[in-house]
Amino acid sequence: MTHDRAVAAARPVFAGWRIMRSDAGRFWATRERRFPVAAEEAGAYRTVDADDLGRLCQVIAEQESIAEKESPAAWTAR
């Protein structure tokens, strides 16, 4: 995995997610804290990947949206 400018630029946008780029150029992100169990059961994934940074950002947002719908109390406390 490598860290480049594109990865560094995305970090402030998705605080709490560790974003990496593989040697093959694929983007990966891992959430630093687990989702609540209800969110994981609803399909929120802690580790996601995509072909490009734009799509990775969309996938991260989708995971956070799933989690927020399933566990809204956890997000209002943040």
PDB file of N, CA and C in Angstrom:
ATOM      1  N   MET A   1       0.847  -1.178   0.000  1.00  0.00           N
ATOM      2  CA  MET A   1       0.000   0.000   0.000  1.00  0.00           C
ATOM      3  C   MET A   1       0.895   1.244   0.000  1.00  0.00           C
ATOM      4  N   THR A   2       0.449   2.225  -0.715  1.00  0.00           N
ATOM      5  CA  THR A   2       1.179   3.474  -0.773  1.00  0.00           C
ATOM      6  C   THR A   2       0.287   4.609  -0.301  1.00  0.00           C
ATOM      7  N   HIS A   3       0.908   5.680   0.086  1.00  0.00           N
ATOM      8  CA  HIS A   3       0.178   6.887   0.492  1.00  0.00           C
ATOM      9  C   HIS A   3       0.604   7.993  -0.452  1.00  0.00           C
ATOM     10  N   ASP A   4      -0.352   8.589  -1.127  1.00  0.00           N
ATOM     11  CA  ASP A   4      -0.026   9.648  -2.070  1.00  0.00           C
ATOM     12  C   ASP A   4      -0.886  10.882  -1.786  1.00  0.00           C
ATOM     13  N   ARG A   5      -0.749  11.906  -2.624  1.00  0.00           N
ATOM     14  CA  ARG A   5      -1.477  13.162  -2.405  1.00  0.00           C
ATOM     15  C   ARG A   5      -2.986  12.982  -2.449  1.00  0.00           C
ATOM     16  N   ALA A   6      -3.470  12.147  -3.356  1.00  0.00           N
ATOM     17  CA  ALA A   6      -4.911  11.922  -3.460  1.00  0.00           C
ATOM     18  C   ALA A   6      -5.460  11.327  -2.167  1.00  0.00           C
ATOM     19  N   VAL A   7      -4.730  10.381  -1.612  1.00  0.00           N
ATOM     20  CA  VAL A   7      -5.149   9.762  -0.357  1.00  0.00           C
ATOM     21  C   VAL A   7      -5.096  10.778   0.767  1.00  0.00           C
ATOM     22  N   ALA A   8      -4.043  11.548   0.839  1.00  0.00           N
ATOM     23  CA  ALA A   8      -3.903  12.558   1.886  1.00  0.00           C
ATOM     24  C   ALA A   8      -5.016  13.600   1.800  1.00  0.00           C
ATOM     25  N   ALA A   9      -5.421  13.962   0.600  1.00  0.00           N
ATOM     26  CA  ALA A   9      -6.474  14.965   0.426  1.00  0.00           C
ATOM     27  C   ALA A   9      -7.829  14.459   0.908  1.00  0.00           C
ATOM     28  N   ALA A  10      -8.071  13.168   0.844  1.00  0.00           N
ATOM     29  CA  ALA A  10      -9.362  12.613   1.237  1.00  0.00           C
ATOM     30  C   ALA A  10      -9.492  12.430   2.742  1.00  0.00           C
ATOM     31  N   ARG A  11      -8.403  12.393   3.460  1.00  0.00           N
ATOM     32  CA  ARG A  11      -8.457  12.121   4.906  1.00  0.00           C
ATOM     33  C   ARG A  11      -9.341  13.084   5.690  1.00  0.00           C
ATOM     34  N   PRO A  12      -9.227  14.405   5.485  1.00  0.00           N
ATOM     35  CA  PRO A  12     -10.080  15.296   6.278  1.00  0.00           C
ATOM     36  C   PRO A  12     -11.566  15.134   5.957  1.00  0.00           C
ATOM     37  N   VAL A  13     -11.893  14.705   4.762  1.00  0.00           N
ATOM     38  CA  VAL A  13     -13.283  14.554   4.349  1.00  0.00           C
ATOM     39  C   VAL A  13     -13.936  13.393   5.089  1.00  0.00           C
ATOM     40  N   PHE A  14     -13.193  12.334   5.309  1.00  0.00           N
ATOM     41  CA  PHE A  14     -13.727  11.154   5.968  1.00  0.00           C
ATOM     42  C   PHE A  14     -12.931  10.834   7.221  1.00  0.00           C
ATOM     43  N   ALA A  15     -13.051  11.707   8.189  1.00  0.00           N
ATOM     44  CA  ALA A  15     -12.389  11.477   9.470  1.00  0.00           C
ATOM     45  C   ALA A  15     -12.911  10.166  10.047  1.00  0.00           C
ATOM     46  N   GLY A  16     -12.024   9.398  10.627  1.00  0.00           N
ATOM     47  CA  GLY A  16     -12.398   8.119  11.195  1.00  0.00           C
ATOM     48  C   GLY A  16     -12.223   6.953  10.239  1.00  0.00           C
ATOM     49  N   TRP A  17     -11.834   7.254   9.000  1.00  0.00           N
ATOM     50  CA  TRP A  17     -11.560   6.223   8.012  1.00  0.00           C
ATOM     51  C   TRP A  17     -10.097   6.305   7.624  1.00  0.00           C
ATOM     52  N   ARG A  18      -9.440   5.187   7.546  1.00  0.00           N
ATOM     53  CA  ARG A  18      -8.048   5.118   7.087  1.00  0.00           C
ATOM     54  C   ARG A  18      -8.080   4.761   5.603  1.00  0.00           C
ATOM     55  N   ILE A  19      -7.613   5.669   4.766  1.00  0.00           N
ATOM     56  CA  ILE A  19      -7.657   5.485   3.319  1.00  0.00           C
ATOM     57  C   ILE A  19      -6.266   5.132   2.809  1.00  0.00           C
ATOM     58  N   MET A  20      -6.219   4.106   1.963  1.00  0.00           N
ATOM     59  CA  MET A  20      -4.949   3.621   1.421  1.00  0.00           C
ATOM     60  C   MET A  20      -5.091   3.387  -0.075  1.00  0.00           C
ATOM     61  N   ARG A  21      -3.975   3.328  -0.749  1.00  0.00           N
ATOM     62  CA  ARG A  21      -3.953   2.986  -2.167  1.00  0.00           C
ATOM     63  C   ARG A  21      -3.013   1.801  -2.336  1.00  0.00           C
ATOM     64  N   SER A  22      -3.506   0.761  -2.979  1.00  0.00           N
ATOM     65  CA  SER A  22      -2.681  -0.439  -3.151  1.00  0.00           C
ATOM     66  C   SER A  22      -1.607  -0.187  -4.197  1.00  0.00           C
ATOM     67  N   ASP A  23      -0.617  -1.063  -4.225  1.00  0.00           N
ATOM     68  CA  ASP A  23       0.447  -0.959  -5.223  1.00  0.00           C
ATOM     69  C   ASP A  23      -0.111  -1.102  -6.642  1.00  0.00           C
ATOM     70  N   ALA A  24      -1.265  -1.743  -6.763  1.00  0.00           N
ATOM     71  CA  ALA A  24      -1.920  -1.905  -8.064  1.00  0.00           C
ATOM     72  C   ALA A  24      -2.769  -0.679  -8.428  1.00  0.00           C
ATOM     73  N   GLY A  25      -2.869   0.299  -7.506  1.00  0.00           N
ATOM     74  CA  GLY A  25      -3.604   1.524  -7.784  1.00  0.00           C
ATOM     75  C   GLY A  25      -5.046   1.539  -7.313  1.00  0.00           C
ATOM     76  N   ARG A  26      -5.497   0.468  -6.672  1.00  0.00           N
ATOM     77  CA  ARG A  26      -6.873   0.409  -6.159  1.00  0.00           C
ATOM     78  C   ARG A  26      -6.935   1.111  -4.809  1.00  0.00           C
ATOM     79  N   PHE A  27      -8.061   1.778  -4.536  1.00  0.00           N
ATOM     80  CA  PHE A  27      -8.242   2.502  -3.276  1.00  0.00           C
ATOM     81  C   PHE A  27      -9.010   1.641  -2.278  1.00  0.00           C
ATOM     82  N   TRP A  28      -8.572   1.702  -1.034  1.00  0.00           N
ATOM     83  CA  TRP A  28      -9.176   0.964   0.068  1.00  0.00           C
ATOM     84  C   TRP A  28      -9.396   1.909   1.242  1.00  0.00           C
ATOM     85  N   ALA A  29     -10.401   1.610   2.047  1.00  0.00           N
ATOM     86  CA  ALA A  29     -10.637   2.380   3.267  1.00  0.00           C
ATOM     87  C   ALA A  29     -11.119   1.436   4.358  1.00  0.00           C
ATOM     88  N   THR A  30     -10.630   1.666   5.554  1.00  0.00           N
ATOM     89  CA  THR A  30     -11.054   0.902   6.722  1.00  0.00           C
ATOM     90  C   THR A  30     -11.487   1.878   7.798  1.00  0.00           C
ATOM     91  N   ARG A  31     -12.646   1.653   8.336  1.00  0.00           N
ATOM     92  CA  ARG A  31     -13.159   2.501   9.412  1.00  0.00           C
ATOM     93  C   ARG A  31     -12.371   2.190  10.680  1.00  0.00           C
ATOM     94  N   GLU A  32     -11.912   3.226  11.353  1.00  0.00           N
ATOM     95  CA  GLU A  32     -11.074   3.017  12.536  1.00  0.00           C
ATOM     96  C   GLU A  32     -11.849   2.440  13.703  1.00  0.00           C
ATOM     97  N   ARG A  33     -13.137   2.730  13.804  1.00  0.00           N
ATOM     98  CA  ARG A  33     -13.979   2.171  14.866  1.00  0.00           C
ATOM     99  C   ARG A  33     -15.052   1.308  14.229  1.00  0.00           C
ATOM    100  N   ARG A  34     -15.411   0.262  14.894  1.00  0.00           N
ATOM    101  CA  ARG A  34     -16.470  -0.614  14.383  1.00  0.00           C
ATOM    102  C   ARG A  34     -17.785   0.129  14.319  1.00  0.00           C
ATOM    103  N   PHE A  35     -18.635  -0.280  13.398  1.00  0.00           N
ATOM    104  CA  PHE A  35     -20.013   0.193  13.386  1.00  0.00           C
ATOM    105  C   PHE A  35     -20.760  -0.520  14.506  1.00  0.00           C
ATOM    106  N   PRO A  36     -21.865   0.051  14.976  1.00  0.00           N
ATOM    107  CA  PRO A  36     -22.716  -0.691  15.912  1.00  0.00           C
ATOM    108  C   PRO A  36     -23.191  -1.997  15.255  1.00  0.00           C
ATOM    109  N   VAL A  37     -23.483  -2.989  16.058  1.00  0.00           N
ATOM    110  CA  VAL A  37     -23.879  -4.300  15.545  1.00  0.00           C
ATOM    111  C   VAL A  37     -25.080  -4.189  14.612  1.00  0.00           C
ATOM    112  N   ALA A  38     -26.071  -3.392  14.960  1.00  0.00           N
ATOM    113  CA  ALA A  38     -27.261  -3.248  14.111  1.00  0.00           C
ATOM    114  C   ALA A  38     -26.892  -2.732  12.725  1.00  0.00           C
ATOM    115  N   ALA A  39     -25.940  -1.827  12.658  1.00  0.00           N
ATOM    116  CA  ALA A  39     -25.506  -1.285  11.370  1.00  0.00           C
ATOM    117  C   ALA A  39     -24.787  -2.356  10.549  1.00  0.00           C
ATOM    118  N   GLU A  40     -23.941  -3.137  11.194  1.00  0.00           N
ATOM    119  CA  GLU A  40     -23.253  -4.215  10.483  1.00  0.00           C
ATOM    120  C   GLU A  40     -24.246  -5.254   9.981  1.00  0.00           C
ATOM    121  N   GLU A  41     -25.237  -5.571  10.784  1.00  0.00           N
ATOM    122  CA  GLU A  41     -26.257  -6.530  10.368  1.00  0.00           C
ATOM    123  C   GLU A  41     -27.089  -6.001   9.205  1.00  0.00           C
ATOM    124  N   ALA A  42     -27.203  -4.677   9.101  1.00  0.00           N
ATOM    125  CA  ALA A  42     -27.952  -4.052   8.002  1.00  0.00           C
ATOM    126  C   ALA A  42     -27.113  -3.926   6.738  1.00  0.00           C
ATOM    127  N   GLY A  43     -25.812  -4.254   6.830  1.00  0.00           N
ATOM    128  CA  GLY A  43     -24.973  -4.247   5.640  1.00  0.00           C
ATOM    129  C   GLY A  43     -23.908  -3.176   5.588  1.00  0.00           C
ATOM    130  N   ALA A  44     -23.661  -2.479   6.676  1.00  0.00           N
ATOM    131  CA  ALA A  44     -22.582  -1.482   6.703  1.00  0.00           C
ATOM    132  C   ALA A  44     -21.250  -2.221   6.851  1.00  0.00           C
ATOM    133  N   TYR A  45     -20.358  -1.985   5.910  1.00  0.00           N
ATOM    134  CA  TYR A  45     -19.056  -2.647   5.918  1.00  0.00           C
ATOM    135  C   TYR A  45     -17.981  -1.720   6.453  1.00  0.00           C
ATOM    136  N   ARG A  46     -17.118  -2.266   7.265  1.00  0.00           N
ATOM    137  CA  ARG A  46     -16.027  -1.491   7.863  1.00  0.00           C
ATOM    138  C   ARG A  46     -14.863  -1.297   6.909  1.00  0.00           C
ATOM    139  N   THR A  47     -14.669  -2.205   5.985  1.00  0.00           N
ATOM    140  CA  THR A  47     -13.599  -2.097   4.987  1.00  0.00           C
ATOM    141  C   THR A  47     -14.220  -2.148   3.602  1.00  0.00           C
ATOM    142  N   VAL A  48     -13.865  -1.165   2.774  1.00  0.00           N
ATOM    143  CA  VAL A  48     -14.423  -1.056   1.419  1.00  0.00           C
ATOM    144  C   VAL A  48     -13.307  -0.738   0.429  1.00  0.00           C
ATOM    145  N   ASP A  49     -13.594  -0.928  -0.859  1.00  0.00           N
ATOM    146  CA  ASP A  49     -12.605  -0.624  -1.886  1.00  0.00           C
ATOM    147  C   ASP A  49     -13.302  -0.108  -3.134  1.00  0.00           C
ATOM    148  N   ALA A  50     -12.513   0.513  -4.016  1.00  0.00           N
ATOM    149  CA  ALA A  50     -13.034   1.052  -5.272  1.00  0.00           C
ATOM    150  C   ALA A  50     -11.885   1.275  -6.239  1.00  0.00           C
ATOM    151  N   ASP A  51     -12.234   1.436  -7.503  1.00  0.00           N
ATOM    152  CA  ASP A  51     -11.223   1.654  -8.541  1.00  0.00           C
ATOM    153  C   ASP A  51     -10.606   3.045  -8.482  1.00  0.00           C
ATOM    154  N   ASP A  52     -11.377   4.037  -8.017  1.00  0.00           N
ATOM    155  CA  ASP A  52     -10.840   5.398  -7.963  1.00  0.00           C
ATOM    156  C   ASP A  52     -11.305   6.089  -6.683  1.00  0.00           C
ATOM    157  N   LEU A  53     -10.677   7.201  -6.393  1.00  0.00           N
ATOM    158  CA  LEU A  53     -10.945   7.900  -5.137  1.00  0.00           C
ATOM    159  C   LEU A  53     -12.365   8.438  -5.068  1.00  0.00           C
ATOM    160  N   GLY A  54     -12.881   8.934  -6.182  1.00  0.00           N
ATOM    161  CA  GLY A  54     -14.251   9.445  -6.195  1.00  0.00           C
ATOM    162  C   GLY A  54     -15.257   8.375  -5.819  1.00  0.00           C
ATOM    163  N   ARG A  55     -15.105   7.208  -6.403  1.00  0.00           N
ATOM    164  CA  ARG A  55     -16.019   6.100  -6.086  1.00  0.00           C
ATOM    165  C   ARG A  55     -15.815   5.638  -4.651  1.00  0.00           C
ATOM    166  N   LEU A  56     -14.583   5.621  -4.171  1.00  0.00           N
ATOM    167  CA  LEU A  56     -14.332   5.226  -2.785  1.00  0.00           C
ATOM    168  C   LEU A  56     -15.069   6.160  -1.833  1.00  0.00           C
ATOM    169  N   CYS A  57     -15.036   7.441  -2.104  1.00  0.00           N
ATOM    170  CA  CYS A  57     -15.747   8.412  -1.263  1.00  0.00           C
ATOM    171  C   CYS A  57     -17.243   8.124  -1.267  1.00  0.00           C
ATOM    172  N   GLN A  58     -17.798   7.751  -2.405  1.00  0.00           N
ATOM    173  CA  GLN A  58     -19.215   7.399  -2.486  1.00  0.00           C
ATOM    174  C   GLN A  58     -19.515   6.166  -1.643  1.00  0.00           C
ATOM    175  N   VAL A  59     -18.653   5.174  -1.735  1.00  0.00           N
ATOM    176  CA  VAL A  59     -18.859   3.929  -0.990  1.00  0.00           C
ATOM    177  C   VAL A  59     -18.787   4.188   0.516  1.00  0.00           C
ATOM    178  N   ILE A  60     -17.840   5.003   0.945  1.00  0.00           N
ATOM    179  CA  ILE A  60     -17.741   5.345   2.366  1.00  0.00           C
ATOM    180  C   ILE A  60     -19.020   6.042   2.820  1.00  0.00           C
ATOM    181  N   ALA A  61     -19.479   7.006   2.032  1.00  0.00           N
ATOM    182  CA  ALA A  61     -20.710   7.732   2.377  1.00  0.00           C
ATOM    183  C   ALA A  61     -21.903   6.776   2.456  1.00  0.00           C
ATOM    184  N   GLU A  62     -21.961   5.801   1.563  1.00  0.00           N
ATOM    185  CA  GLU A  62     -23.038   4.807   1.598  1.00  0.00           C
ATOM    186  C   GLU A  62     -23.002   4.004   2.894  1.00  0.00           C
ATOM    187  N   GLN A  63     -21.805   3.601   3.318  1.00  0.00           N
ATOM    188  CA  GLN A  63     -21.680   2.815   4.549  1.00  0.00           C
ATOM    189  C   GLN A  63     -22.121   3.640   5.759  1.00  0.00           C
ATOM    190  N   GLU A  64     -21.707   4.896   5.801  1.00  0.00           N
ATOM    191  CA  GLU A  64     -22.108   5.768   6.904  1.00  0.00           C
ATOM    192  C   GLU A  64     -23.618   5.997   6.898  1.00  0.00           C
ATOM    193  N   SER A  65     -24.212   6.102   5.716  1.00  0.00           N
ATOM    194  CA  SER A  65     -25.661   6.299   5.606  1.00  0.00           C
ATOM    195  C   SER A  65     -26.419   5.077   6.120  1.00  0.00           C
ATOM    196  N   ILE A  66     -25.966   3.892   5.746  1.00  0.00           N
ATOM    197  CA  ILE A  66     -26.587   2.662   6.241  1.00  0.00           C
ATOM    198  C   ILE A  66     -26.526   2.634   7.762  1.00  0.00           C
ATOM    199  N   ALA A  67     -25.367   2.937   8.285  1.00  0.00           N
ATOM    200  CA  ALA A  67     -25.178   2.895   9.741  1.00  0.00           C
ATOM    201  C   ALA A  67     -26.044   3.929  10.445  1.00  0.00           C
ATOM    202  N   GLU A  68     -26.132   5.110   9.871  1.00  0.00           N
ATOM    203  CA  GLU A  68     -26.930   6.170  10.499  1.00  0.00           C
ATOM    204  C   GLU A  68     -28.414   5.799  10.538  1.00  0.00           C
ATOM    205  N   LYS A  69     -28.898   5.156   9.488  1.00  0.00           N
ATOM    206  CA  LYS A  69     -30.306   4.735   9.450  1.00  0.00           C
ATOM    207  C   LYS A  69     -30.597   3.662  10.492  1.00  0.00           C
ATOM    208  N   GLU A  70     -29.640   2.776  10.718  1.00  0.00           N
ATOM    209  CA  GLU A  70     -29.849   1.668  11.642  1.00  0.00           C
ATOM    210  C   GLU A  70     -29.580   2.043  13.095  1.00  0.00           C
ATOM    211  N   SER A  71     -28.695   2.994  13.318  1.00  0.00           N
ATOM    212  CA  SER A  71     -28.297   3.362  14.681  1.00  0.00           C
ATOM    213  C   SER A  71     -28.231   4.874  14.825  1.00  0.00           C
ATOM    214  N   PRO A  72     -29.350   5.578  14.644  1.00  0.00           N
ATOM    215  CA  PRO A  72     -29.284   7.048  14.672  1.00  0.00           C
ATOM    216  C   PRO A  72     -28.792   7.627  15.993  1.00  0.00           C
ATOM    217  N   ALA A  73     -29.058   6.956  17.098  1.00  0.00           N
ATOM    218  CA  ALA A  73     -28.611   7.474  18.396  1.00  0.00           C
ATOM    219  C   ALA A  73     -27.099   7.540  18.482  1.00  0.00           C
ATOM    220  N   ALA A  74     -26.420   6.618  17.842  1.00  0.00           N
ATOM    221  CA  ALA A  74     -24.957   6.604  17.862  1.00  0.00           C
ATOM    222  C   ALA A  74     -24.390   7.816  17.111  1.00  0.00           C
ATOM    223  N   TRP A  75     -25.120   8.332  16.125  1.00  0.00           N
ATOM    224  CA  TRP A  75     -24.621   9.463  15.348  1.00  0.00           C
ATOM    225  C   TRP A  75     -24.986  10.798  15.974  1.00  0.00           C
ATOM    226  N   THR A  76     -26.090  10.880  16.706  1.00  0.00           N
ATOM    227  CA  THR A  76     -26.440  12.147  17.353  1.00  0.00           C
ATOM    228  C   THR A  76     -25.527  12.435  18.528  1.00  0.00           C
ATOM    229  N   ALA A  77     -24.901  11.397  19.082  1.00  0.00           N
ATOM    230  CA  ALA A  77     -23.998  11.568  20.224  1.00  0.00           C
ATOM    231  C   ALA A  77     -22.610  12.001  19.798  1.00  0.00           C
ATOM    232  N   ARG A  78     -22.305  11.953  18.491  1.00  0.00           N
ATOM    233  CA  ARG A  78     -20.947  12.263  18.041  1.00  0.00           C
ATOM    234  C   ARG A  78     -20.668  13.725  18.089  1.00  0.00           C
TER     235      ARG A  78
END
